[in-house]
Amino acid sequence: MIALVSAAVRGFRAWQERHRVLNELYSMDDRSLADIGLRRADIPFVVSPKADLAAEARPVFTANGPVAANNHVEQRAA
């Protein structure tokens, strides 16, 4: 029972955070969105709960080549 309540609270908090981010992004003008690499039409997809899962599967590109998104990247001195 406690696990169910805990999961419900986590889900509600995640929903609140997505809603806050949506409001913040929609309040930005198109130029500001372009500065961070977004278009207004991208906002629902970026904030979607499924976007978190998709981001984990995408590779991160570094100077040394792509690495898995969930791996830590060690910074080397140039």
PDB file of N, CA and C in Angstrom:
ATOM      1  N   MET A   1       0.818  -1.193   0.000  1.00  0.00           N
ATOM      2  CA  MET A   1       0.000   0.000   0.000  1.00  0.00           C
ATOM      3  C   MET A   1       0.866   1.262   0.000  1.00  0.00           C
ATOM      4  N   ILE A   2       1.927   1.236   0.804  1.00  0.00           N
ATOM      5  CA  ILE A   2       2.815   2.393   0.870  1.00  0.00           C
ATOM      6  C   ILE A   2       3.518   2.601  -0.469  1.00  0.00           C
ATOM      7  N   ALA A   3       3.898   1.506  -1.115  1.00  0.00           N
ATOM      8  CA  ALA A   3       4.563   1.615  -2.414  1.00  0.00           C
ATOM      9  C   ALA A   3       3.636   2.240  -3.453  1.00  0.00           C
ATOM     10  N   LEU A   4       2.368   1.925  -3.387  1.00  0.00           N
ATOM     11  CA  LEU A   4       1.399   2.478  -4.324  1.00  0.00           C
ATOM     12  C   LEU A   4       1.242   3.984  -4.120  1.00  0.00           C
ATOM     13  N   VAL A   5       1.146   4.401  -2.876  1.00  0.00           N
ATOM     14  CA  VAL A   5       1.030   5.831  -2.560  1.00  0.00           C
ATOM     15  C   VAL A   5       2.309   6.551  -2.983  1.00  0.00           C
ATOM     16  N   SER A   6       3.450   5.955  -2.706  1.00  0.00           N
ATOM     17  CA  SER A   6       4.737   6.547  -3.074  1.00  0.00           C
ATOM     18  C   SER A   6       4.849   6.713  -4.589  1.00  0.00           C
ATOM     19  N   ALA A   7       4.432   5.703  -5.328  1.00  0.00           N
ATOM     20  CA  ALA A   7       4.469   5.779  -6.791  1.00  0.00           C
ATOM     21  C   ALA A   7       3.518   6.857  -7.307  1.00  0.00           C
ATOM     22  N   ALA A   8       2.362   6.980  -6.677  1.00  0.00           N
ATOM     23  CA  ALA A   8       1.398   8.006  -7.081  1.00  0.00           C
ATOM     24  C   ALA A   8       1.962   9.409  -6.819  1.00  0.00           C
ATOM     25  N   VAL A   9       2.622   9.582  -5.690  1.00  0.00           N
ATOM     26  CA  VAL A   9       3.216  10.882  -5.363  1.00  0.00           C
ATOM     27  C   VAL A   9       4.330  11.211  -6.354  1.00  0.00           C
ATOM     28  N   ARG A  10       5.188  10.234  -6.669  1.00  0.00           N
ATOM     29  CA  ARG A  10       6.261  10.458  -7.658  1.00  0.00           C
ATOM     30  C   ARG A  10       5.676  10.819  -9.020  1.00  0.00           C
ATOM     31  N   GLY A  11       4.641  10.124  -9.423  1.00  0.00           N
ATOM     32  CA  GLY A  11       3.999  10.414 -10.700  1.00  0.00           C
ATOM     33  C   GLY A  11       3.397  11.807 -10.732  1.00  0.00           C
ATOM     34  N   PHE A  12       2.767  12.204  -9.635  1.00  0.00           N
ATOM     35  CA  PHE A  12       2.175  13.532  -9.564  1.00  0.00           C
ATOM     36  C   PHE A  12       3.252  14.609  -9.610  1.00  0.00           C
ATOM     37  N   ARG A  13       4.348  14.394  -8.888  1.00  0.00           N
ATOM     38  CA  ARG A  13       5.439  15.377  -8.904  1.00  0.00           C
ATOM     39  C   ARG A  13       6.077  15.482 -10.288  1.00  0.00           C
ATOM     40  N   ALA A  14       6.219  14.361 -10.970  1.00  0.00           N
ATOM     41  CA  ALA A  14       6.772  14.376 -12.330  1.00  0.00           C
ATOM     42  C   ALA A  14       5.831  15.141 -13.262  1.00  0.00           C
ATOM     43  N   TRP A  15       4.516  14.928 -13.101  1.00  0.00           N
ATOM     44  CA  TRP A  15       3.541  15.654 -13.914  1.00  0.00           C
ATOM     45  C   TRP A  15       3.632  17.148 -13.642  1.00  0.00           C
ATOM     46  N   GLN A  16       3.743  17.532 -12.361  1.00  0.00           N
ATOM     47  CA  GLN A  16       3.864  18.951 -12.007  1.00  0.00           C
ATOM     48  C   GLN A  16       5.096  19.574 -12.654  1.00  0.00           C
ATOM     49  N   GLU A  17       6.214  18.861 -12.621  1.00  0.00           N
ATOM     50  CA  GLU A  17       7.454  19.388 -13.207  1.00  0.00           C
ATOM     51  C   GLU A  17       7.317  19.544 -14.719  1.00  0.00           C
ATOM     52  N   ARG A  18       6.720  18.546 -15.399  1.00  0.00           N
ATOM     53  CA  ARG A  18       6.489  18.670 -16.846  1.00  0.00           C
ATOM     54  C   ARG A  18       5.593  19.861 -17.156  1.00  0.00           C
ATOM     55  N   HIS A  19       4.556  20.055 -16.347  1.00  0.00           N
ATOM     56  CA  HIS A  19       3.638  21.162 -16.553  1.00  0.00           C
ATOM     57  C   HIS A  19       4.359  22.502 -16.361  1.00  0.00           C
ATOM     58  N   ARG A  20       5.230  22.586 -15.356  1.00  0.00           N
ATOM     59  CA  ARG A  20       5.993  23.807 -15.113  1.00  0.00           C
ATOM     60  C   ARG A  20       6.909  24.117 -16.284  1.00  0.00           C
ATOM     61  N   VAL A  21       7.596  23.087 -16.796  1.00  0.00           N
ATOM     62  CA  VAL A  21       8.507  23.267 -17.929  1.00  0.00           C
ATOM     63  C   VAL A  21       7.726  23.660 -19.182  1.00  0.00           C
ATOM     64  N   LEU A  22       6.589  23.030 -19.415  1.00  0.00           N
ATOM     65  CA  LEU A  22       5.745  23.403 -20.557  1.00  0.00           C
ATOM     66  C   LEU A  22       5.369  24.877 -20.493  1.00  0.00           C
ATOM     67  N   ASN A  23       4.903  25.320 -19.341  1.00  0.00           N
ATOM     68  CA  ASN A  23       4.514  26.721 -19.196  1.00  0.00           C
ATOM     69  C   ASN A  23       5.691  27.655 -19.442  1.00  0.00           C
ATOM     70  N   GLU A  24       6.852  27.294 -18.917  1.00  0.00           N
ATOM     71  CA  GLU A  24       8.025  28.132 -19.102  1.00  0.00           C
ATOM     72  C   GLU A  24       8.432  28.204 -20.573  1.00  0.00           C
ATOM     73  N   LEU A  25       8.440  27.065 -21.256  1.00  0.00           N
ATOM     74  CA  LEU A  25       8.820  27.060 -22.671  1.00  0.00           C
ATOM     75  C   LEU A  25       7.799  27.801 -23.532  1.00  0.00           C
ATOM     76  N   TYR A  26       6.515  27.585 -23.273  1.00  0.00           N
ATOM     77  CA  TYR A  26       5.490  28.280 -24.059  1.00  0.00           C
ATOM     78  C   TYR A  26       5.512  29.792 -23.819  1.00  0.00           C
ATOM     79  N   SER A  27       6.033  30.232 -22.687  1.00  0.00           N
ATOM     80  CA  SER A  27       6.099  31.670 -22.417  1.00  0.00           C
ATOM     81  C   SER A  27       7.263  32.346 -23.147  1.00  0.00           C
ATOM     82  N   MET A  28       8.202  31.550 -23.682  1.00  0.00           N
ATOM     83  CA  MET A  28       9.346  32.104 -24.401  1.00  0.00           C
ATOM     84  C   MET A  28       8.945  32.504 -25.815  1.00  0.00           C
ATOM     85  N   ASP A  29       9.611  33.526 -26.349  1.00  0.00           N
ATOM     86  CA  ASP A  29       9.345  33.905 -27.731  1.00  0.00           C
ATOM     87  C   ASP A  29      10.095  32.962 -28.683  1.00  0.00           C
ATOM     88  N   ASP A  30       9.751  33.027 -29.964  1.00  0.00           N
ATOM     89  CA  ASP A  30      10.325  32.103 -30.946  1.00  0.00           C
ATOM     90  C   ASP A  30      11.834  32.234 -31.065  1.00  0.00           C
ATOM     91  N   ARG A  31      12.340  33.439 -30.929  1.00  0.00           N
ATOM     92  CA  ARG A  31      13.787  33.653 -31.026  1.00  0.00           C
ATOM     93  C   ARG A  31      14.525  32.985 -29.860  1.00  0.00           C
ATOM     94  N   SER A  32      13.976  33.114 -28.665  1.00  0.00           N
ATOM     95  CA  SER A  32      14.589  32.477 -27.495  1.00  0.00           C
ATOM     96  C   SER A  32      14.544  30.958 -27.626  1.00  0.00           C
ATOM     97  N   LEU A  33      13.441  30.444 -28.121  1.00  0.00           N
ATOM     98  CA  LEU A  33      13.350  28.998 -28.344  1.00  0.00           C
ATOM     99  C   LEU A  33      14.391  28.554 -29.368  1.00  0.00           C
ATOM    100  N   ALA A  34      14.559  29.322 -30.437  1.00  0.00           N
ATOM    101  CA  ALA A  34      15.550  28.983 -31.461  1.00  0.00           C
ATOM    102  C   ALA A  34      16.955  28.994 -30.874  1.00  0.00           C
ATOM    103  N   ASP A  35      17.217  29.885 -29.922  1.00  0.00           N
ATOM    104  CA  ASP A  35      18.527  29.947 -29.281  1.00  0.00           C
ATOM    105  C   ASP A  35      18.870  28.648 -28.553  1.00  0.00           C
ATOM    106  N   ILE A  36      17.859  27.958 -28.050  1.00  0.00           N
ATOM    107  CA  ILE A  36      18.122  26.691 -27.362  1.00  0.00           C
ATOM    108  C   ILE A  36      17.817  25.487 -28.267  1.00  0.00           C
ATOM    109  N   GLY A  37      17.622  25.763 -29.546  1.00  0.00           N
ATOM    110  CA  GLY A  37      17.464  24.687 -30.519  1.00  0.00           C
ATOM    111  C   GLY A  37      16.076  24.083 -30.599  1.00  0.00           C
ATOM    112  N   LEU A  38      15.055  24.853 -30.245  1.00  0.00           N
ATOM    113  CA  LEU A  38      13.686  24.349 -30.289  1.00  0.00           C
ATOM    114  C   LEU A  38      12.806  25.218 -31.170  1.00  0.00           C
ATOM    115  N   ARG A  39      11.774  24.583 -31.692  1.00  0.00           N
ATOM    116  CA  ARG A  39      10.672  25.299 -32.335  1.00  0.00           C
ATOM    117  C   ARG A  39       9.463  25.105 -31.444  1.00  0.00           C
ATOM    118  N   ARG A  40       8.501  25.988 -31.554  1.00  0.00           N
ATOM    119  CA  ARG A  40       7.305  25.897 -30.715  1.00  0.00           C
ATOM    120  C   ARG A  40       6.624  24.528 -30.866  1.00  0.00           C
ATOM    121  N   ALA A  41       6.637  23.978 -32.060  1.00  0.00           N
ATOM    122  CA  ALA A  41       6.007  22.674 -32.308  1.00  0.00           C
ATOM    123  C   ALA A  41       6.746  21.529 -31.615  1.00  0.00           C
ATOM    124  N   ASP A  42       8.014  21.733 -31.242  1.00  0.00           N
ATOM    125  CA  ASP A  42       8.797  20.687 -30.580  1.00  0.00           C
ATOM    126  C   ASP A  42       8.482  20.553 -29.089  1.00  0.00           C
ATOM    127  N   ILE A  43       7.925  21.585 -28.501  1.00  0.00           N
ATOM    128  CA  ILE A  43       7.766  21.639 -27.044  1.00  0.00           C
ATOM    129  C   ILE A  43       7.034  20.428 -26.466  1.00  0.00           C
ATOM    130  N   PRO A  44       5.864  20.035 -26.970  1.00  0.00           N
ATOM    131  CA  PRO A  44       5.189  18.884 -26.349  1.00  0.00           C
ATOM    132  C   PRO A  44       6.014  17.595 -26.415  1.00  0.00           C
ATOM    133  N   PHE A  45       6.807  17.434 -27.463  1.00  0.00           N
ATOM    134  CA  PHE A  45       7.595  16.218 -27.612  1.00  0.00           C
ATOM    135  C   PHE A  45       8.815  16.220 -26.706  1.00  0.00           C
ATOM    136  N   VAL A  46       9.375  17.394 -26.459  1.00  0.00           N
ATOM    137  CA  VAL A  46      10.551  17.506 -25.600  1.00  0.00           C
ATOM    138  C   VAL A  46      10.171  17.263 -24.143  1.00  0.00           C
ATOM    139  N   VAL A  47       8.984  17.694 -23.758  1.00  0.00           N
ATOM    140  CA  VAL A  47       8.556  17.610 -22.368  1.00  0.00           C
ATOM    141  C   VAL A  47       7.793  16.312 -22.086  1.00  0.00           C
ATOM    142  N   SER A  48       7.472  15.566 -23.102  1.00  0.00           N
ATOM    143  CA  SER A  48       6.740  14.307 -22.946  1.00  0.00           C
ATOM    144  C   SER A  48       7.497  13.344 -22.044  1.00  0.00           C
ATOM    145  N   PRO A  49       6.786  12.569 -21.224  1.00  0.00           N
ATOM    146  CA  PRO A  49       7.469  11.564 -20.394  1.00  0.00           C
ATOM    147  C   PRO A  49       8.248  10.555 -21.241  1.00  0.00           C
ATOM    148  N   LYS A  50       7.807  10.325 -22.464  1.00  0.00           N
ATOM    149  CA  LYS A  50       8.515   9.393 -23.348  1.00  0.00           C
ATOM    150  C   LYS A  50       9.824   9.985 -23.843  1.00  0.00           C
ATOM    151  N   ALA A  51       9.958  11.316 -23.805  1.00  0.00           N
ATOM    152  CA  ALA A  51      11.202  11.962 -24.237  1.00  0.00           C
ATOM    153  C   ALA A  51      12.354  11.559 -23.335  1.00  0.00           C
ATOM    154  N   ASP A  52      12.088  11.347 -22.038  1.00  0.00           N
ATOM    155  CA  ASP A  52      13.134  10.921 -21.116  1.00  0.00           C
ATOM    156  C   ASP A  52      13.671   9.552 -21.515  1.00  0.00           C
ATOM    157  N   LEU A  53      12.790   8.657 -21.896  1.00  0.00           N
ATOM    158  CA  LEU A  53      13.213   7.318 -22.302  1.00  0.00           C
ATOM    159  C   LEU A  53      13.984   7.363 -23.610  1.00  0.00           C
ATOM    160  N   ALA A  54      13.534   8.193 -24.541  1.00  0.00           N
ATOM    161  CA  ALA A  54      14.216   8.306 -25.825  1.00  0.00           C
ATOM    162  C   ALA A  54      15.596   8.928 -25.656  1.00  0.00           C
ATOM    163  N   ALA A  55      15.724   9.883 -24.743  1.00  0.00           N
ATOM    164  CA  ALA A  55      17.018  10.539 -24.521  1.00  0.00           C
ATOM    165  C   ALA A  55      18.040   9.553 -23.975  1.00  0.00           C
ATOM    166  N   GLU A  56      17.604   8.587 -23.176  1.00  0.00           N
ATOM    167  CA  GLU A  56      18.526   7.599 -22.633  1.00  0.00           C
ATOM    168  C   GLU A  56      19.091   6.704 -23.723  1.00  0.00           C
ATOM    169  N   ALA A  57      18.345   6.511 -24.797  1.00  0.00           N
ATOM    170  CA  ALA A  57      18.788   5.622 -25.866  1.00  0.00           C
ATOM    171  C   ALA A  57      19.663   6.330 -26.897  1.00  0.00           C
ATOM    172  N   ARG A  58      19.601   7.674 -26.940  1.00  0.00           N
ATOM    173  CA  ARG A  58      20.378   8.432 -27.919  1.00  0.00           C
ATOM    174  C   ARG A  58      21.829   8.536 -27.502  1.00  0.00           C
ATOM    175  N   PRO A  59      22.755   8.424 -28.449  1.00  0.00           N
ATOM    176  CA  PRO A  59      24.165   8.605 -28.093  1.00  0.00           C
ATOM    177  C   PRO A  59      24.483  10.072 -27.863  1.00  0.00           C
ATOM    178  N   VAL A  60      25.468  10.308 -27.033  1.00  0.00           N
ATOM    179  CA  VAL A  60      25.968  11.655 -26.792  1.00  0.00           C
ATOM    180  C   VAL A  60      27.261  11.772 -27.570  1.00  0.00           C
ATOM    181  N   PHE A  61      27.421  12.848 -28.338  1.00  0.00           N
ATOM    182  CA  PHE A  61      28.621  13.014 -29.139  1.00  0.00           C
ATOM    183  C   PHE A  61      29.602  13.916 -28.412  1.00  0.00           C
ATOM    184  N   THR A  62      30.822  13.446 -28.310  1.00  0.00           N
ATOM    185  CA  THR A  62      31.887  14.200 -27.658  1.00  0.00           C
ATOM    186  C   THR A  62      33.023  14.366 -28.655  1.00  0.00           C
ATOM    187  N   ALA A  63      34.061  15.057 -28.240  1.00  0.00           N
ATOM    188  CA  ALA A  63      35.229  15.237 -29.102  1.00  0.00           C
ATOM    189  C   ALA A  63      35.877  13.899 -29.421  1.00  0.00           C
ATOM    190  N   ASN A  64      35.680  12.924 -28.547  1.00  0.00           N
ATOM    191  CA  ASN A  64      36.273  11.597 -28.736  1.00  0.00           C
ATOM    192  C   ASN A  64      35.333  10.637 -29.451  1.00  0.00           C
ATOM    193  N   GLY A  65      34.189  11.115 -29.905  1.00  0.00           N
ATOM    194  CA  GLY A  65      33.239  10.254 -30.593  1.00  0.00           C
ATOM    195  C   GLY A  65      32.003  10.016 -29.745  1.00  0.00           C
ATOM    196  N   PRO A  66      31.050   9.235 -30.264  1.00  0.00           N
ATOM    197  CA  PRO A  66      29.808   9.010 -29.528  1.00  0.00           C
ATOM    198  C   PRO A  66      30.014   8.088 -28.330  1.00  0.00           C
ATOM    199  N   VAL A  67      29.263   8.360 -27.270  1.00  0.00           N
ATOM    200  CA  VAL A  67      29.230   7.489 -26.102  1.00  0.00           C
ATOM    201  C   VAL A  67      27.769   7.290 -25.726  1.00  0.00           C
ATOM    202  N   ALA A  68      27.481   6.249 -25.000  1.00  0.00           N
ATOM    203  CA  ALA A  68      26.105   6.016 -24.563  1.00  0.00           C
ATOM    204  C   ALA A  68      25.676   7.158 -23.656  1.00  0.00           C
ATOM    205  N   ALA A  69      24.421   7.543 -23.721  1.00  0.00           N
ATOM    206  CA  ALA A  69      23.922   8.702 -22.976  1.00  0.00           C
ATOM    207  C   ALA A  69      24.038   8.513 -21.475  1.00  0.00           C
ATOM    208  N   ASN A  70      23.984   7.275 -20.998  1.00  0.00           N
ATOM    209  CA  ASN A  70      24.022   7.069 -19.561  1.00  0.00           C
ATOM    210  C   ASN A  70      25.446   6.830 -19.041  1.00  0.00           C
ATOM    211  N   ASN A  71      26.440   6.848 -19.902  1.00  0.00           N
ATOM    212  CA  ASN A  71      27.827   6.724 -19.455  1.00  0.00           C
ATOM    213  C   ASN A  71      28.362   8.081 -19.055  1.00  0.00           C
ATOM    214  N   HIS A  72      29.252   8.070 -18.084  1.00  0.00           N
ATOM    215  CA  HIS A  72      29.895   9.324 -17.701  1.00  0.00           C
ATOM    216  C   HIS A  72      31.032   9.586 -18.663  1.00  0.00           C
ATOM    217  N   VAL A  73      31.174  10.825 -19.054  1.00  0.00           N
ATOM    218  CA  VAL A  73      32.219  11.197 -20.004  1.00  0.00           C
ATOM    219  C   VAL A  73      33.346  11.858 -19.228  1.00  0.00           C
ATOM    220  N   GLU A  74      34.514  11.314 -19.367  1.00  0.00           N
ATOM    221  CA  GLU A  74      35.677  11.880 -18.695  1.00  0.00           C
ATOM    222  C   GLU A  74      36.257  12.991 -19.571  1.00  0.00           C
ATOM    223  N   GLN A  75      36.441  14.156 -18.983  1.00  0.00           N
ATOM    224  CA  GLN A  75      36.992  15.279 -19.722  1.00  0.00           C
ATOM    225  C   GLN A  75      38.526  15.190 -19.695  1.00  0.00           C
ATOM    226  N   ARG A  76      39.120  15.315 -20.857  1.00  0.00           N
ATOM    227  CA  ARG A  76      40.582  15.282 -20.955  1.00  0.00           C
ATOM    228  C   ARG A  76      41.106  16.687 -21.191  1.00  0.00           C
ATOM    229  N   ALA A  77      42.253  16.953 -20.625  1.00  0.00           N
ATOM    230  CA  ALA A  77      42.896  18.250 -20.869  1.00  0.00           C
ATOM    231  C   ALA A  77      43.462  18.263 -22.281  1.00  0.00           C
ATOM    232  N   ALA A  78      43.353  19.402 -22.953  1.00  0.00           N
ATOM    233  CA  ALA A  78      43.811  19.501 -24.345  1.00  0.00           C
ATOM    234  C   ALA A  78      45.285  19.700 -24.442  1.00  0.00           C
TER     235      ALA A  78
END
